[in-house]
Amino acid sequence: MAITPLKELEIDGTIINPIEETSPPIPNEMFRFRQYNELWTLAGTNQHLPNVVGELTKIQGSNLEDLSCDEKITLYLLLADGKNVRVMVWDACALEFRKLYATIVGKATILIITAVNPKSY
């Protein structure tokens, strides 16, 4: 992973105000990747949108090479605990995935998917 330094952007009229030490701290948001049993517990509750990381093992969908198509795609991920899950992607996300797919064909791929709404079928 390459770490790039932050650059200060200077735009005419920009005023940078120092932050006072008494300001409340900004909380850090972290990824919390869920295992299969945690996803199963959350399935159908619509109470929490967990994050998932897994190896992409299979893709099902039509028109995968058509970068203008937004039809549903089904992704199969192998989670770290050895369980397989199905992730369905629709509309704008499916369109964006098709663009990504064009660059990953034939490569081992690990996906991080945020804000998953787990369901059981």
PDB file of N, CA and C in Angstrom:
ATOM      1  N   MET A   1       0.843  -1.156   0.000  1.00  0.00           N
ATOM      2  CA  MET A   1       0.000   0.000   0.000  1.00  0.00           C
ATOM      3  C   MET A   1       0.894   1.227   0.000  1.00  0.00           C
ATOM      4  N   ALA A   2       0.620   2.143  -0.861  1.00  0.00           N
ATOM      5  CA  ALA A   2       1.395   3.376  -0.929  1.00  0.00           C
ATOM      6  C   ALA A   2       0.738   4.426  -0.049  1.00  0.00           C
ATOM      7  N   ILE A   3       1.545   5.129   0.699  1.00  0.00           N
ATOM      8  CA  ILE A   3       1.037   6.205   1.539  1.00  0.00           C
ATOM      9  C   ILE A   3       1.453   7.513   0.898  1.00  0.00           C
ATOM     10  N   THR A   4       0.470   8.324   0.573  1.00  0.00           N
ATOM     11  CA  THR A   4       0.781   9.603  -0.057  1.00  0.00           C
ATOM     12  C   THR A   4       0.564  10.712   0.952  1.00  0.00           C
ATOM     13  N   PRO A   5       1.470  11.671   1.005  1.00  0.00           N
ATOM     14  CA  PRO A   5       1.318  12.773   1.968  1.00  0.00           C
ATOM     15  C   PRO A   5       0.160  13.677   1.562  1.00  0.00           C
ATOM     16  N   LEU A   6      -0.442  14.293   2.562  1.00  0.00           N
ATOM     17  CA  LEU A   6      -1.513  15.242   2.290  1.00  0.00           C
ATOM     18  C   LEU A   6      -0.906  16.529   1.746  1.00  0.00           C
ATOM     19  N   LYS A   7      -1.570  17.117   0.801  1.00  0.00           N
ATOM     20  CA  LYS A   7      -1.116  18.380   0.236  1.00  0.00           C
ATOM     21  C   LYS A   7      -2.071  19.476   0.684  1.00  0.00           C
ATOM     22  N   GLU A   8      -1.513  20.615   0.981  1.00  0.00           N
ATOM     23  CA  GLU A   8      -2.338  21.752   1.353  1.00  0.00           C
ATOM     24  C   GLU A   8      -2.838  22.412   0.078  1.00  0.00           C
ATOM     25  N   LEU A   9      -4.119  22.589  -0.007  1.00  0.00           N
ATOM     26  CA  LEU A   9      -4.737  23.172  -1.187  1.00  0.00           C
ATOM     27  C   LEU A   9      -4.976  24.656  -0.926  1.00  0.00           C
ATOM     28  N   GLU A  10      -4.389  25.487  -1.749  1.00  0.00           N
ATOM     29  CA  GLU A  10      -4.560  26.925  -1.587  1.00  0.00           C
ATOM     30  C   GLU A  10      -5.512  27.440  -2.653  1.00  0.00           C
ATOM     31  N   ILE A  11      -6.611  28.002  -2.211  1.00  0.00           N
ATOM     32  CA  ILE A  11      -7.603  28.586  -3.105  1.00  0.00           C
ATOM     33  C   ILE A  11      -7.801  30.026  -2.659  1.00  0.00           C
ATOM     34  N   ASP A  12      -7.854  30.944  -3.614  1.00  0.00           N
ATOM     35  CA  ASP A  12      -8.059  32.358  -3.276  1.00  0.00           C
ATOM     36  C   ASP A  12      -9.297  32.508  -2.400  1.00  0.00           C
ATOM     37  N   GLY A  13      -9.153  33.239  -1.329  1.00  0.00           N
ATOM     38  CA  GLY A  13     -10.278  33.481  -0.445  1.00  0.00           C
ATOM     39  C   GLY A  13     -10.429  32.456   0.660  1.00  0.00           C
ATOM     40  N   THR A  14      -9.582  31.421   0.679  1.00  0.00           N
ATOM     41  CA  THR A  14      -9.668  30.389   1.707  1.00  0.00           C
ATOM     42  C   THR A  14      -9.046  30.901   2.995  1.00  0.00           C
ATOM     43  N   ILE A  15      -9.754  30.721   4.081  1.00  0.00           N
ATOM     44  CA  ILE A  15      -9.236  31.110   5.389  1.00  0.00           C
ATOM     45  C   ILE A  15      -9.151  29.845   6.234  1.00  0.00           C
ATOM     46  N   ILE A  16      -7.979  29.585   6.794  1.00  0.00           N
ATOM     47  CA  ILE A  16      -7.791  28.416   7.650  1.00  0.00           C
ATOM     48  C   ILE A  16      -7.770  28.894   9.089  1.00  0.00           C
ATOM     49  N   ASN A  17      -8.716  28.393   9.880  1.00  0.00           N
ATOM     50  CA  ASN A  17      -8.806  28.757  11.287  1.00  0.00           C
ATOM     51  C   ASN A  17      -8.227  27.630  12.132  1.00  0.00           C
ATOM     52  N   PRO A  18      -7.376  27.979  13.088  1.00  0.00           N
ATOM     53  CA  PRO A  18      -6.836  26.916  13.959  1.00  0.00           C
ATOM     54  C   PRO A  18      -7.947  26.323  14.820  1.00  0.00           C
ATOM     55  N   ILE A  19      -7.808  25.041  15.127  1.00  0.00           N
ATOM     56  CA  ILE A  19      -8.782  24.350  15.976  1.00  0.00           C
ATOM     57  C   ILE A  19      -8.341  24.503  17.421  1.00  0.00           C
ATOM     58  N   GLU A  20      -9.264  24.935  18.256  1.00  0.00           N
ATOM     59  CA  GLU A  20      -8.949  25.089  19.670  1.00  0.00           C
ATOM     60  C   GLU A  20      -8.846  23.719  20.321  1.00  0.00           C
ATOM     61  N   GLU A  21      -7.967  23.603  21.287  1.00  0.00           N
ATOM     62  CA  GLU A  21      -7.787  22.334  21.983  1.00  0.00           C
ATOM     63  C   GLU A  21      -9.028  21.932  22.760  1.00  0.00           C
ATOM     64  N   THR A  22      -9.895  22.883  23.076  1.00  0.00           N
ATOM     65  CA  THR A  22     -11.098  22.563  23.842  1.00  0.00           C
ATOM     66  C   THR A  22     -12.210  21.996  22.968  1.00  0.00           C
ATOM     67  N   SER A  23     -11.987  21.943  21.654  1.00  0.00           N
ATOM     68  CA  SER A  23     -13.000  21.393  20.759  1.00  0.00           C
ATOM     69  C   SER A  23     -13.200  19.913  21.066  1.00  0.00           C
ATOM     70  N   PRO A  24     -14.449  19.419  20.942  1.00  0.00           N
ATOM     71  CA  PRO A  24     -14.659  17.986  21.191  1.00  0.00           C
ATOM     72  C   PRO A  24     -13.928  17.162  20.127  1.00  0.00           C
ATOM     73  N   PRO A  25     -13.400  16.010  20.522  1.00  0.00           N
ATOM     74  CA  PRO A  25     -12.682  15.180  19.549  1.00  0.00           C
ATOM     75  C   PRO A  25     -13.639  14.614  18.496  1.00  0.00           C
ATOM     76  N   ILE A  26     -13.137  14.478  17.303  1.00  0.00           N
ATOM     77  CA  ILE A  26     -13.920  13.870  16.229  1.00  0.00           C
ATOM     78  C   ILE A  26     -13.734  12.365  16.343  1.00  0.00           C
ATOM     79  N   PRO A  27     -14.822  11.584  16.490  1.00  0.00           N
ATOM     80  CA  PRO A  27     -14.667  10.138  16.671  1.00  0.00           C
ATOM     81  C   PRO A  27     -14.118   9.474  15.404  1.00  0.00           C
ATOM     82  N   ASN A  28     -13.288   8.489  15.602  1.00  0.00           N
ATOM     83  CA  ASN A  28     -12.769   7.704  14.483  1.00  0.00           C
ATOM     84  C   ASN A  28     -13.784   6.643  14.112  1.00  0.00           C
ATOM     85  N   GLU A  29     -14.058   6.522  12.833  1.00  0.00           N
ATOM     86  CA  GLU A  29     -14.925   5.456  12.353  1.00  0.00           C
ATOM     87  C   GLU A  29     -14.032   4.327  11.852  1.00  0.00           C
ATOM     88  N   MET A  30     -14.310   3.140  12.266  1.00  0.00           N
ATOM     89  CA  MET A  30     -13.489   1.992  11.892  1.00  0.00           C
ATOM     90  C   MET A  30     -14.371   0.946  11.216  1.00  0.00           C
ATOM     91  N   PHE A  31     -13.738   0.147  10.383  1.00  0.00           N
ATOM     92  CA  PHE A  31     -14.438  -0.994   9.822  1.00  0.00           C
ATOM     93  C   PHE A  31     -14.513  -2.079  10.885  1.00  0.00           C
ATOM     94  N   ARG A  32     -15.634  -2.736  10.978  1.00  0.00           N
ATOM     95  CA  ARG A  32     -15.761  -3.908  11.833  1.00  0.00           C
ATOM     96  C   ARG A  32     -16.316  -5.008  10.946  1.00  0.00           C
ATOM     97  N   PHE A  33     -15.425  -5.871  10.518  1.00  0.00           N
ATOM     98  CA  PHE A  33     -15.827  -6.923   9.602  1.00  0.00           C
ATOM     99  C   PHE A  33     -16.516  -8.041  10.369  1.00  0.00           C
ATOM    100  N   ARG A  34     -17.635  -8.490   9.853  1.00  0.00           N
ATOM    101  CA  ARG A  34     -18.468  -9.490  10.521  1.00  0.00           C
ATOM    102  C   ARG A  34     -18.186 -10.891  10.002  1.00  0.00           C
ATOM    103  N   GLN A  35     -18.300 -11.839  10.906  1.00  0.00           N
ATOM    104  CA  GLN A  35     -18.219 -13.256  10.543  1.00  0.00           C
ATOM    105  C   GLN A  35     -19.634 -13.709  10.159  1.00  0.00           C
ATOM    106  N   TYR A  36     -19.716 -14.897   9.595  1.00  0.00           N
ATOM    107  CA  TYR A  36     -20.987 -15.419   9.103  1.00  0.00           C
ATOM    108  C   TYR A  36     -22.052 -15.465  10.195  1.00  0.00           C
ATOM    109  N   ASN A  37     -21.696 -15.974  11.387  1.00  0.00           N
ATOM    110  CA  ASN A  37     -22.709 -16.107  12.444  1.00  0.00           C
ATOM    111  C   ASN A  37     -23.259 -14.747  12.881  1.00  0.00           C
ATOM    112  N   GLU A  38     -22.423 -13.700  12.837  1.00  0.00           N
ATOM    113  CA  GLU A  38     -22.909 -12.359  13.163  1.00  0.00           C
ATOM    114  C   GLU A  38     -23.854 -11.845  12.076  1.00  0.00           C
ATOM    115  N   LEU A  39     -23.521 -12.114  10.813  1.00  0.00           N
ATOM    116  CA  LEU A  39     -24.401 -11.703   9.712  1.00  0.00           C
ATOM    117  C   LEU A  39     -25.747 -12.406   9.825  1.00  0.00           C
ATOM    118  N   TRP A  40     -25.708 -13.688  10.170  1.00  0.00           N
ATOM    119  CA  TRP A  40     -26.943 -14.475  10.295  1.00  0.00           C
ATOM    120  C   TRP A  40     -27.828 -13.896  11.404  1.00  0.00           C
ATOM    121  N   THR A  41     -27.220 -13.482  12.507  1.00  0.00           N
ATOM    122  CA  THR A  41     -27.969 -12.883  13.613  1.00  0.00           C
ATOM    123  C   THR A  41     -28.631 -11.578  13.187  1.00  0.00           C
ATOM    124  N   LEU A  42     -27.968 -10.810  12.334  1.00  0.00           N
ATOM    125  CA  LEU A  42     -28.501  -9.524  11.888  1.00  0.00           C
ATOM    126  C   LEU A  42     -29.481  -9.652  10.724  1.00  0.00           C
ATOM    127  N   ALA A  43     -29.545 -10.818  10.097  1.00  0.00           N
ATOM    128  CA  ALA A  43     -30.368 -11.007   8.892  1.00  0.00           C
ATOM    129  C   ALA A  43     -31.828 -10.664   9.158  1.00  0.00           C
ATOM    130  N   GLY A  44     -32.371  -9.808   8.317  1.00  0.00           N
ATOM    131  CA  GLY A  44     -33.784  -9.464   8.374  1.00  0.00           C
ATOM    132  C   GLY A  44     -34.164  -8.466   9.451  1.00  0.00           C
ATOM    133  N   THR A  45     -33.207  -8.023  10.256  1.00  0.00           N
ATOM    134  CA  THR A  45     -33.555  -7.098  11.341  1.00  0.00           C
ATOM    135  C   THR A  45     -33.608  -5.648  10.881  1.00  0.00           C
ATOM    136  N   ASN A  46     -32.887  -5.318   9.822  1.00  0.00           N
ATOM    137  CA  ASN A  46     -32.808  -3.941   9.312  1.00  0.00           C
ATOM    138  C   ASN A  46     -32.367  -2.952  10.395  1.00  0.00           C
ATOM    139  N   GLN A  47     -31.596  -3.423  11.369  1.00  0.00           N
ATOM    140  CA  GLN A  47     -31.148  -2.560  12.462  1.00  0.00           C
ATOM    141  C   GLN A  47     -29.711  -2.099  12.315  1.00  0.00           C
ATOM    142  N   HIS A  48     -28.929  -2.811  11.548  1.00  0.00           N
ATOM    143  CA  HIS A  48     -27.508  -2.493  11.447  1.00  0.00           C
ATOM    144  C   HIS A  48     -27.016  -2.877  10.057  1.00  0.00           C
ATOM    145  N   LEU A  49     -26.165  -2.048   9.468  1.00  0.00           N
ATOM    146  CA  LEU A  49     -25.616  -2.327   8.149  1.00  0.00           C
ATOM    147  C   LEU A  49     -24.122  -2.642   8.314  1.00  0.00           C
ATOM    148  N   PRO A  50     -23.781  -3.924   8.477  1.00  0.00           N
ATOM    149  CA  PRO A  50     -22.397  -4.304   8.760  1.00  0.00           C
ATOM    150  C   PRO A  50     -21.488  -4.222   7.533  1.00  0.00           C
ATOM    151  N   ASN A  51     -20.196  -4.364   7.794  1.00  0.00           N
ATOM    152  CA  ASN A  51     -19.172  -4.418   6.752  1.00  0.00           C
ATOM    153  C   ASN A  51     -18.758  -5.865   6.564  1.00  0.00           C
ATOM    154  N   VAL A  52     -18.408  -6.221   5.326  1.00  0.00           N
ATOM    155  CA  VAL A  52     -18.017  -7.588   5.009  1.00  0.00           C
ATOM    156  C   VAL A  52     -16.748  -7.547   4.173  1.00  0.00           C
ATOM    157  N   VAL A  53     -15.831  -8.467   4.448  1.00  0.00           N
ATOM    158  CA  VAL A  53     -14.644  -8.626   3.613  1.00  0.00           C
ATOM    159  C   VAL A  53     -14.565 -10.100   3.245  1.00  0.00           C
ATOM    160  N   GLY A  54     -14.254 -10.368   1.983  1.00  0.00           N
ATOM    161  CA  GLY A  54     -14.151 -11.753   1.545  1.00  0.00           C
ATOM    162  C   GLY A  54     -13.518 -11.871   0.179  1.00  0.00           C
ATOM    163  N   GLU A  55     -13.125 -13.091  -0.128  1.00  0.00           N
ATOM    164  CA  GLU A  55     -12.540 -13.375  -1.438  1.00  0.00           C
ATOM    165  C   GLU A  55     -13.663 -13.602  -2.442  1.00  0.00           C
ATOM    166  N   LEU A  56     -13.597 -12.909  -3.548  1.00  0.00           N
ATOM    167  CA  LEU A  56     -14.589 -13.065  -4.609  1.00  0.00           C
ATOM    168  C   LEU A  56     -14.348 -14.399  -5.295  1.00  0.00           C
ATOM    169  N   THR A  57     -15.321 -15.314  -5.186  1.00  0.00           N
ATOM    170  CA  THR A  57     -15.148 -16.656  -5.760  1.00  0.00           C
ATOM    171  C   THR A  57     -15.982 -16.889  -7.012  1.00  0.00           C
ATOM    172  N   LYS A  58     -17.062 -16.118  -7.170  1.00  0.00           N
ATOM    173  CA  LYS A  58     -17.943 -16.334  -8.320  1.00  0.00           C
ATOM    174  C   LYS A  58     -18.764 -15.077  -8.559  1.00  0.00           C
ATOM    175  N   ILE A  59     -19.071 -14.813  -9.821  1.00  0.00           N
ATOM    176  CA  ILE A  59     -19.919 -13.688 -10.206  1.00  0.00           C
ATOM    177  C   ILE A  59     -21.004 -14.219 -11.135  1.00  0.00           C
ATOM    178  N   GLN A  60     -22.248 -13.878 -10.848  1.00  0.00           N
ATOM    179  CA  GLN A  60     -23.352 -14.229 -11.737  1.00  0.00           C
ATOM    180  C   GLN A  60     -24.059 -12.952 -12.148  1.00  0.00           C
ATOM    181  N   GLY A  61     -24.304 -12.840 -13.429  1.00  0.00           N
ATOM    182  CA  GLY A  61     -25.032 -11.683 -13.929  1.00  0.00           C
ATOM    183  C   GLY A  61     -24.948 -11.660 -15.438  1.00  0.00           C
ATOM    184  N   SER A  62     -25.883 -10.979 -16.029  1.00  0.00           N
ATOM    185  CA  SER A  62     -25.851 -10.871 -17.481  1.00  0.00           C
ATOM    186  C   SER A  62     -25.164  -9.570 -17.861  1.00  0.00           C
ATOM    187  N   ASN A  63     -24.651  -9.531 -19.059  1.00  0.00           N
ATOM    188  CA  ASN A  63     -24.032  -8.317 -19.609  1.00  0.00           C
ATOM    189  C   ASN A  63     -22.909  -7.764 -18.730  1.00  0.00           C
ATOM    190  N   LEU A  64     -22.050  -8.645 -18.199  1.00  0.00           N
ATOM    191  CA  LEU A  64     -20.980  -8.180 -17.317  1.00  0.00           C
ATOM    192  C   LEU A  64     -19.992  -7.262 -18.031  1.00  0.00           C
ATOM    193  N   GLU A  65     -19.861  -7.411 -19.342  1.00  0.00           N
ATOM    194  CA  GLU A  65     -18.921  -6.581 -20.096  1.00  0.00           C
ATOM    195  C   GLU A  65     -19.541  -5.264 -20.560  1.00  0.00           C
ATOM    196  N   ASP A  66     -20.862  -5.122 -20.415  1.00  0.00           N
ATOM    197  CA  ASP A  66     -21.554  -3.910 -20.842  1.00  0.00           C
ATOM    198  C   ASP A  66     -21.464  -2.864 -19.733  1.00  0.00           C
ATOM    199  N   LEU A  67     -20.600  -1.875 -19.884  1.00  0.00           N
ATOM    200  CA  LEU A  67     -20.353  -0.890 -18.840  1.00  0.00           C
ATOM    201  C   LEU A  67     -21.499   0.097 -18.639  1.00  0.00           C
ATOM    202  N   SER A  68     -22.552  -0.003 -19.460  1.00  0.00           N
ATOM    203  CA  SER A  68     -23.709   0.877 -19.286  1.00  0.00           C
ATOM    204  C   SER A  68     -24.897   0.135 -18.668  1.00  0.00           C
ATOM    205  N   CYS A  69     -24.726  -1.150 -18.359  1.00  0.00           N
ATOM    206  CA  CYS A  69     -25.817  -1.977 -17.826  1.00  0.00           C
ATOM    207  C   CYS A  69     -25.856  -1.878 -16.301  1.00  0.00           C
ATOM    208  N   ASP A  70     -27.069  -1.708 -15.743  1.00  0.00           N
ATOM    209  CA  ASP A  70     -27.199  -1.645 -14.285  1.00  0.00           C
ATOM    210  C   ASP A  70     -28.070  -2.777 -13.736  1.00  0.00           C
ATOM    211  N   GLU A  71     -28.166  -3.896 -14.481  1.00  0.00           N
ATOM    212  CA  GLU A  71     -28.937  -5.043 -14.011  1.00  0.00           C
ATOM    213  C   GLU A  71     -28.236  -5.707 -12.828  1.00  0.00           C
ATOM    214  N   LYS A  72     -29.008  -6.422 -12.028  1.00  0.00           N
ATOM    215  CA  LYS A  72     -28.517  -7.070 -10.813  1.00  0.00           C
ATOM    216  C   LYS A  72     -27.342  -8.004 -11.099  1.00  0.00           C
ATOM    217  N   ILE A  73     -26.377  -8.011 -10.187  1.00  0.00           N
ATOM    218  CA  ILE A  73     -25.236  -8.927 -10.213  1.00  0.00           C
ATOM    219  C   ILE A  73     -25.215  -9.644  -8.869  1.00  0.00           C
ATOM    220  N   THR A  74     -24.914 -10.928  -8.870  1.00  0.00           N
ATOM    221  CA  THR A  74     -24.748 -11.682  -7.633  1.00  0.00           C
ATOM    222  C   THR A  74     -23.279 -12.036  -7.475  1.00  0.00           C
ATOM    223  N   LEU A  75     -22.708 -11.642  -6.337  1.00  0.00           N
ATOM    224  CA  LEU A  75     -21.316 -11.926  -6.017  1.00  0.00           C
ATOM    225  C   LEU A  75     -21.282 -12.993  -4.937  1.00  0.00           C
ATOM    226  N   TYR A  76     -20.376 -13.928  -5.042  1.00  0.00           N
ATOM    227  CA  TYR A  76     -20.182 -14.947  -4.022  1.00  0.00           C
ATOM    228  C   TYR A  76     -18.847 -14.680  -3.347  1.00  0.00           C
ATOM    229  N   LEU A  77     -18.889 -14.500  -2.023  1.00  0.00           N
ATOM    230  CA  LEU A  77     -17.683 -14.200  -1.261  1.00  0.00           C
ATOM    231  C   LEU A  77     -17.387 -15.325  -0.279  1.00  0.00           C
ATOM    232  N   LEU A  78     -16.117 -15.649  -0.150  1.00  0.00           N
ATOM    233  CA  LEU A  78     -15.645 -16.589   0.858  1.00  0.00           C
ATOM    234  C   LEU A  78     -15.128 -15.759   2.021  1.00  0.00           C
ATOM    235  N   LEU A  79     -15.792 -15.864   3.172  1.00  0.00           N
ATOM    236  CA  LEU A  79     -15.403 -15.097   4.345  1.00  0.00           C
ATOM    237  C   LEU A  79     -14.211 -15.748   5.039  1.00  0.00           C
ATOM    238  N   ALA A  80     -13.598 -15.022   5.955  1.00  0.00           N
ATOM    239  CA  ALA A  80     -12.417 -15.513   6.666  1.00  0.00           C
ATOM    240  C   ALA A  80     -12.718 -16.764   7.478  1.00  0.00           C
ATOM    241  N   ASP A  81     -13.966 -16.928   7.927  1.00  0.00           N
ATOM    242  CA  ASP A  81     -14.304 -18.111   8.719  1.00  0.00           C
ATOM    243  C   ASP A  81     -14.680 -19.311   7.852  1.00  0.00           C
ATOM    244  N   GLY A  82     -14.469 -19.207   6.530  1.00  0.00           N
ATOM    245  CA  GLY A  82     -14.688 -20.330   5.625  1.00  0.00           C
ATOM    246  C   GLY A  82     -16.102 -20.465   5.082  1.00  0.00           C
ATOM    247  N   LYS A  83     -16.996 -19.588   5.479  1.00  0.00           N
ATOM    248  CA  LYS A  83     -18.385 -19.635   4.999  1.00  0.00           C
ATOM    249  C   LYS A  83     -18.518 -18.813   3.725  1.00  0.00           C
ATOM    250  N   ASN A  84     -19.409 -19.252   2.846  1.00  0.00           N
ATOM    251  CA  ASN A  84     -19.699 -18.520   1.608  1.00  0.00           C
ATOM    252  C   ASN A  84     -20.975 -17.718   1.791  1.00  0.00           C
ATOM    253  N   VAL A  85     -20.963 -16.496   1.285  1.00  0.00           N
ATOM    254  CA  VAL A  85     -22.163 -15.663   1.306  1.00  0.00           C
ATOM    255  C   VAL A  85     -22.420 -15.120  -0.091  1.00  0.00           C
ATOM    256  N   ARG A  86     -23.677 -14.805  -0.321  1.00  0.00           N
ATOM    257  CA  ARG A  86     -24.105 -14.226  -1.589  1.00  0.00           C
ATOM    258  C   ARG A  86     -24.391 -12.755  -1.364  1.00  0.00           C
ATOM    259  N   VAL A  87     -23.845 -11.900  -2.222  1.00  0.00           N
ATOM    260  CA  VAL A  87     -24.082 -10.460  -2.138  1.00  0.00           C
ATOM    261  C   VAL A  87     -24.712 -10.028  -3.444  1.00  0.00           C
ATOM    262  N   MET A  88     -25.917  -9.457  -3.355  1.00  0.00           N
ATOM    263  CA  MET A  88     -26.600  -8.988  -4.553  1.00  0.00           C
ATOM    264  C   MET A  88     -26.418  -7.488  -4.689  1.00  0.00           C
ATOM    265  N   VAL A  89     -26.052  -7.057  -5.885  1.00  0.00           N
ATOM    266  CA  VAL A  89     -25.747  -5.664  -6.164  1.00  0.00           C
ATOM    267  C   VAL A  89     -26.688  -5.187  -7.265  1.00  0.00           C
ATOM    268  N   TRP A  90     -27.344  -4.042  -7.039  1.00  0.00           N
ATOM    269  CA  TRP A  90     -28.311  -3.515  -7.999  1.00  0.00           C
ATOM    270  C   TRP A  90     -27.951  -2.112  -8.459  1.00  0.00           C
ATOM    271  N   ASP A  91     -28.615  -1.702  -9.505  1.00  0.00           N
ATOM    272  CA  ASP A  91     -28.652  -0.321 -10.000  1.00  0.00           C
ATOM    273  C   ASP A  91     -27.262   0.317 -10.120  1.00  0.00           C
ATOM    274  N   ALA A  92     -27.081   1.495  -9.517  1.00  0.00           N
ATOM    275  CA  ALA A  92     -25.826   2.235  -9.677  1.00  0.00           C
ATOM    276  C   ALA A  92     -24.628   1.438  -9.160  1.00  0.00           C
ATOM    277  N   CYS A  93     -24.829   0.664  -8.102  1.00  0.00           N
ATOM    278  CA  CYS A  93     -23.725  -0.165  -7.581  1.00  0.00           C
ATOM    279  C   CYS A  93     -23.362  -1.256  -8.580  1.00  0.00           C
ATOM    280  N   ALA A  94     -24.350  -1.833  -9.248  1.00  0.00           N
ATOM    281  CA  ALA A  94     -24.082  -2.842 -10.273  1.00  0.00           C
ATOM    282  C   ALA A  94     -23.337  -2.222 -11.451  1.00  0.00           C
ATOM    283  N   LEU A  95     -23.722  -1.027 -11.805  1.00  0.00           N
ATOM    284  CA  LEU A  95     -23.050  -0.310 -12.891  1.00  0.00           C
ATOM    285  C   LEU A  95     -21.578  -0.064 -12.536  1.00  0.00           C
ATOM    286  N   GLU A  96     -21.324   0.401 -11.322  1.00  0.00           N
ATOM    287  CA  GLU A  96     -19.950   0.645 -10.879  1.00  0.00           C
ATOM    288  C   GLU A  96     -19.159  -0.660 -10.788  1.00  0.00           C
ATOM    289  N   PHE A  97     -19.826  -1.736 -10.332  1.00  0.00           N
ATOM    290  CA  PHE A  97     -19.109  -3.009 -10.236  1.00  0.00           C
ATOM    291  C   PHE A  97     -18.687  -3.502 -11.616  1.00  0.00           C
ATOM    292  N   ARG A  98     -19.527  -3.307 -12.622  1.00  0.00           N
ATOM    293  CA  ARG A  98     -19.156  -3.723 -13.978  1.00  0.00           C
ATOM    294  C   ARG A  98     -17.875  -3.016 -14.437  1.00  0.00           C
ATOM    295  N   LYS A  99     -17.733  -1.753 -14.077  1.00  0.00           N
ATOM    296  CA  LYS A  99     -16.512  -1.020 -14.427  1.00  0.00           C
ATOM    297  C   LYS A  99     -15.309  -1.612 -13.697  1.00  0.00           C
ATOM    298  N   LEU A 100     -15.504  -1.964 -12.428  1.00  0.00           N
ATOM    299  CA  LEU A 100     -14.436  -2.599 -11.655  1.00  0.00           C
ATOM    300  C   LEU A 100     -14.114  -3.980 -12.226  1.00  0.00           C
ATOM    301  N   TYR A 101     -15.155  -4.715 -12.588  1.00  0.00           N
ATOM    302  CA  TYR A 101     -14.991  -6.069 -13.119  1.00  0.00           C
ATOM    303  C   TYR A 101     -14.074  -6.079 -14.339  1.00  0.00           C
ATOM    304  N   ALA A 102     -14.173  -5.072 -15.167  1.00  0.00           N
ATOM    305  CA  ALA A 102     -13.336  -4.991 -16.370  1.00  0.00           C
ATOM    306  C   ALA A 102     -11.854  -4.970 -16.024  1.00  0.00           C
ATOM    307  N   THR A 103     -11.506  -4.506 -14.822  1.00  0.00           N
ATOM    308  CA  THR A 103     -10.098  -4.421 -14.424  1.00  0.00           C
ATOM    309  C   THR A 103      -9.625  -5.621 -13.615  1.00  0.00           C
ATOM    310  N   ILE A 104     -10.545  -6.465 -13.113  1.00  0.00           N
ATOM    311  CA  ILE A 104     -10.146  -7.577 -12.237  1.00  0.00           C
ATOM    312  C   ILE A 104     -10.353  -8.958 -12.846  1.00  0.00           C
ATOM    313  N   VAL A 105     -10.822  -9.038 -14.079  1.00  0.00           N
ATOM    314  CA  VAL A 105     -11.099 -10.336 -14.697  1.00  0.00           C
ATOM    315  C   VAL A 105      -9.845 -11.211 -14.626  1.00  0.00           C
ATOM    316  N   GLY A 106     -10.004 -12.412 -14.078  1.00  0.00           N
ATOM    317  CA  GLY A 106      -8.904 -13.368 -14.011  1.00  0.00           C
ATOM    318  C   GLY A 106      -7.932 -13.145 -12.868  1.00  0.00           C
ATOM    319  N   LYS A 107      -8.186 -12.189 -12.003  1.00  0.00           N
ATOM    320  CA  LYS A 107      -7.296 -11.914 -10.885  1.00  0.00           C
ATOM    321  C   LYS A 107      -7.950 -12.330  -9.578  1.00  0.00           C
ATOM    322  N   ALA A 108      -7.144 -12.808  -8.630  1.00  0.00           N
ATOM    323  CA  ALA A 108      -7.665 -13.080  -7.290  1.00  0.00           C
ATOM    324  C   ALA A 108      -8.082 -11.749  -6.688  1.00  0.00           C
ATOM    325  N   THR A 109      -9.276 -11.688  -6.132  1.00  0.00           N
ATOM    326  CA  THR A 109      -9.814 -10.411  -5.682  1.00  0.00           C
ATOM    327  C   THR A 109     -10.413 -10.528  -4.289  1.00  0.00           C
ATOM    328  N   ILE A 110     -10.037  -9.609  -3.425  1.00  0.00           N
ATOM    329  CA  ILE A 110     -10.635  -9.478  -2.103  1.00  0.00           C
ATOM    330  C   ILE A 110     -11.483  -8.214  -2.130  1.00  0.00           C
ATOM    331  N   LEU A 111     -12.735  -8.343  -1.696  1.00  0.00           N
ATOM    332  CA  LEU A 111     -13.643  -7.196  -1.697  1.00  0.00           C
ATOM    333  C   LEU A 111     -13.972  -6.780  -0.274  1.00  0.00           C
ATOM    334  N   ILE A 112     -14.046  -5.491  -0.061  1.00  0.00           N
ATOM    335  CA  ILE A 112     -14.579  -4.927   1.171  1.00  0.00           C
ATOM    336  C   ILE A 112     -15.891  -4.263   0.782  1.00  0.00           C
ATOM    337  N   ILE A 113     -16.967  -4.717   1.399  1.00  0.00           N
ATOM    338  CA  ILE A 113     -18.284  -4.177   1.082  1.00  0.00           C
ATOM    339  C   ILE A 113     -18.846  -3.584   2.365  1.00  0.00           C
ATOM    340  N   THR A 114     -19.222  -2.314   2.305  1.00  0.00           N
ATOM    341  CA  THR A 114     -19.749  -1.639   3.484  1.00  0.00           C
ATOM    342  C   THR A 114     -21.258  -1.472   3.381  1.00  0.00           C
ATOM    343  N   ALA A 115     -21.889  -1.293   4.514  1.00  0.00           N
ATOM    344  CA  ALA A 115     -23.319  -1.045   4.608  1.00  0.00           C
ATOM    345  C   ALA A 115     -24.141  -2.155   3.957  1.00  0.00           C
ATOM    346  N   VAL A 116     -23.848  -3.392   4.326  1.00  0.00           N
ATOM    347  CA  VAL A 116     -24.573  -4.559   3.819  1.00  0.00           C
ATOM    348  C   VAL A 116     -25.858  -4.725   4.630  1.00  0.00           C
ATOM    349  N   ASN A 117     -26.959  -4.996   3.956  1.00  0.00           N
ATOM    350  CA  ASN A 117     -28.225  -5.277   4.632  1.00  0.00           C
ATOM    351  C   ASN A 117     -28.459  -6.785   4.556  1.00  0.00           C
ATOM    352  N   PRO A 118     -28.051  -7.545   5.590  1.00  0.00           N
ATOM    353  CA  PRO A 118     -28.129  -9.010   5.517  1.00  0.00           C
ATOM    354  C   PRO A 118     -29.574  -9.520   5.491  1.00  0.00           C
ATOM    355  N   LYS A 119     -29.804 -10.481   4.642  1.00  0.00           N
ATOM    356  CA  LYS A 119     -31.093 -11.155   4.506  1.00  0.00           C
ATOM    357  C   LYS A 119     -30.842 -12.652   4.472  1.00  0.00           C
ATOM    358  N   SER A 120     -31.825 -13.437   4.881  1.00  0.00           N
ATOM    359  CA  SER A 120     -31.718 -14.887   4.748  1.00  0.00           C
ATOM    360  C   SER A 120     -32.819 -15.364   3.818  1.00  0.00           C
ATOM    361  N   TYR A 121     -32.458 -16.258   2.906  1.00  0.00           N
ATOM    362  CA  TYR A 121     -33.430 -16.769   1.944  1.00  0.00           C
ATOM    363  C   TYR A 121     -33.474 -18.270   2.024  1.00  0.00           C
TER     364      TYR A 121
END
